[in-house]
């Protein structure tokens, strides 16, 4: 679970039952419509800005997802993991486009 706070007013917003493993990474899309989270089990989840869980990719990585980053157009994002891989994802299709290993 994670707790969402309003960064401007510092008010508590909600607690979400988000992942089965601890969340290690989170990023907002540039248009602020989506949030992507990654956990210790290698899962990546997509969230709409109203916090409805929309998509999940349970097999994104073999180990912890350490960082996430959107491209400026929000069409793609990257994830990096303790499994020494960096993956490029098609955001709309929730599909892996490329995997780079040994990092």
Protein backbone atom coordinates (compact mmCIF):
# COMPACT_ATOMS: atom_id res chain seq x y z
CA UNK A 1 0.00 0.00 0.00
CA UNK A 2 1.04 3.60 -0.34
CA UNK A 3 -0.24 6.88 1.02
CA UNK A 4 -1.00 9.72 -1.37
CA UNK A 5 -0.55 13.27 -0.12
CA UNK A 6 -1.41 16.57 -1.78
CA UNK A 7 1.96 18.22 -2.40
CA UNK A 8 0.58 21.76 -2.40
CA UNK A 9 -1.61 21.67 0.69
CA UNK A 10 0.21 18.75 2.38
CA UNK A 11 -3.18 17.18 3.06
CA UNK A 12 -3.68 13.42 3.18
CA UNK A 13 -5.53 12.20 0.07
CA UNK A 14 -5.86 8.40 0.28
CA UNK A 15 -4.23 5.06 1.02
CA UNK A 16 -4.07 2.65 -1.92
CA UNK A 17 -3.63 -1.11 -1.86
CA UNK A 18 -1.31 -0.90 -4.81
CA UNK A 19 1.12 -3.83 -4.93
CA UNK A 20 1.83 -7.12 -3.19
CA UNK A 21 5.49 -6.11 -2.78
CA UNK A 22 6.96 -2.81 -1.51
CA UNK A 23 6.85 0.00 -4.08
CA UNK A 24 10.34 1.17 -5.09
CA UNK A 25 9.63 3.60 -7.93
CA UNK A 26 6.94 5.96 -9.15
CA UNK A 27 6.62 8.51 -11.96
CA UNK A 28 3.89 10.83 -13.24
CA UNK A 29 3.37 11.27 -16.97
CA UNK A 30 4.20 14.72 -18.33
CA UNK A 31 0.49 15.42 -18.93
CA UNK A 32 -0.25 14.44 -15.29
CA UNK A 33 -2.98 12.01 -16.39
CA UNK A 34 -1.12 8.82 -15.45
CA UNK A 35 1.11 7.47 -12.72
CA UNK A 36 3.27 4.35 -13.10
CA UNK A 37 4.57 2.42 -10.09
CA UNK A 38 7.14 -0.37 -9.82
CA UNK A 39 7.74 -2.78 -6.96
CA UNK A 40 10.27 -5.17 -5.44
CA UNK A 41 8.74 -8.14 -7.26
CA UNK A 42 9.31 -6.60 -10.71
CA UNK A 43 5.68 -5.58 -11.29
CA UNK A 44 4.69 -2.35 -13.00
CA UNK A 45 1.21 -0.86 -12.62
CA UNK A 46 -0.49 2.00 -14.47
CA UNK A 47 -2.84 4.34 -12.60
CA UNK A 48 -5.15 7.05 -13.88
CA UNK A 49 -4.82 10.35 -12.01
CA UNK A 50 -8.07 9.53 -10.16
CA UNK A 51 -6.14 6.49 -8.81
CA UNK A 52 -8.14 3.74 -10.50
CA UNK A 53 -5.84 0.81 -11.18
CA UNK A 54 -6.08 0.40 -14.93
CA UNK A 55 -3.34 -1.94 -16.12
CA UNK A 56 -0.75 -4.20 -14.55
CA UNK A 57 2.22 -6.00 -16.04
CA UNK A 58 3.12 -8.67 -13.53
CA UNK A 59 6.17 -9.90 -15.46
CA UNK A 60 7.89 -6.61 -16.24
CA UNK A 61 11.18 -7.55 -14.53
CA UNK A 62 12.66 -10.49 -12.63
CA UNK A 63 13.77 -8.30 -9.71
CA UNK A 64 12.99 -4.94 -8.10
CA UNK A 65 12.01 -2.02 -10.37
CA UNK A 66 14.37 0.76 -9.26
CA UNK A 67 13.39 3.65 -11.53
CA UNK A 68 10.83 4.74 -14.13
CA UNK A 69 10.93 7.59 -16.63
CA UNK A 70 8.48 8.85 -19.28
CA UNK A 71 9.55 10.34 -22.60
CA UNK A 72 8.29 13.90 -23.15
CA UNK A 73 5.43 12.76 -25.42
CA UNK A 74 4.16 10.19 -22.86
CA UNK A 75 4.07 7.59 -25.65
CA UNK A 76 6.85 5.53 -24.10
CA UNK A 77 8.49 5.02 -20.73
CA UNK A 78 11.55 3.17 -19.46
CA UNK A 79 11.99 0.96 -16.43
CA UNK A 80 15.24 -0.22 -14.87
CA UNK A 81 15.68 -3.09 -12.48
CA UNK A 82 18.06 -4.91 -10.18
CA UNK A 83 17.93 -7.71 -12.79
CA UNK A 84 20.41 -5.49 -14.74
CA UNK A 85 17.90 -4.66 -17.48
CA UNK A 86 16.46 -1.44 -18.82
CA UNK A 87 13.19 -1.84 -20.73
CA UNK A 88 11.46 0.52 -23.12
CA UNK A 89 7.65 0.25 -23.04
CA UNK A 90 4.90 1.34 -25.39
CA UNK A 91 2.65 3.08 -22.90
CA UNK A 92 -0.69 2.78 -24.74
CA UNK A 93 -0.28 -0.92 -25.50
CA UNK A 94 1.47 -1.80 -22.22
CA UNK A 95 3.99 -3.80 -24.22
CA UNK A 96 7.72 -4.08 -24.00
CA UNK A 97 9.44 -2.69 -27.10
CA UNK A 98 13.07 -3.25 -26.22
CA UNK A 99 15.15 -4.76 -23.45
CA UNK A 100 18.73 -3.70 -22.75
CA UNK A 101 20.72 -5.96 -20.44
CA UNK A 102 23.92 -5.72 -18.45
CA UNK A 103 23.36 -2.30 -16.92
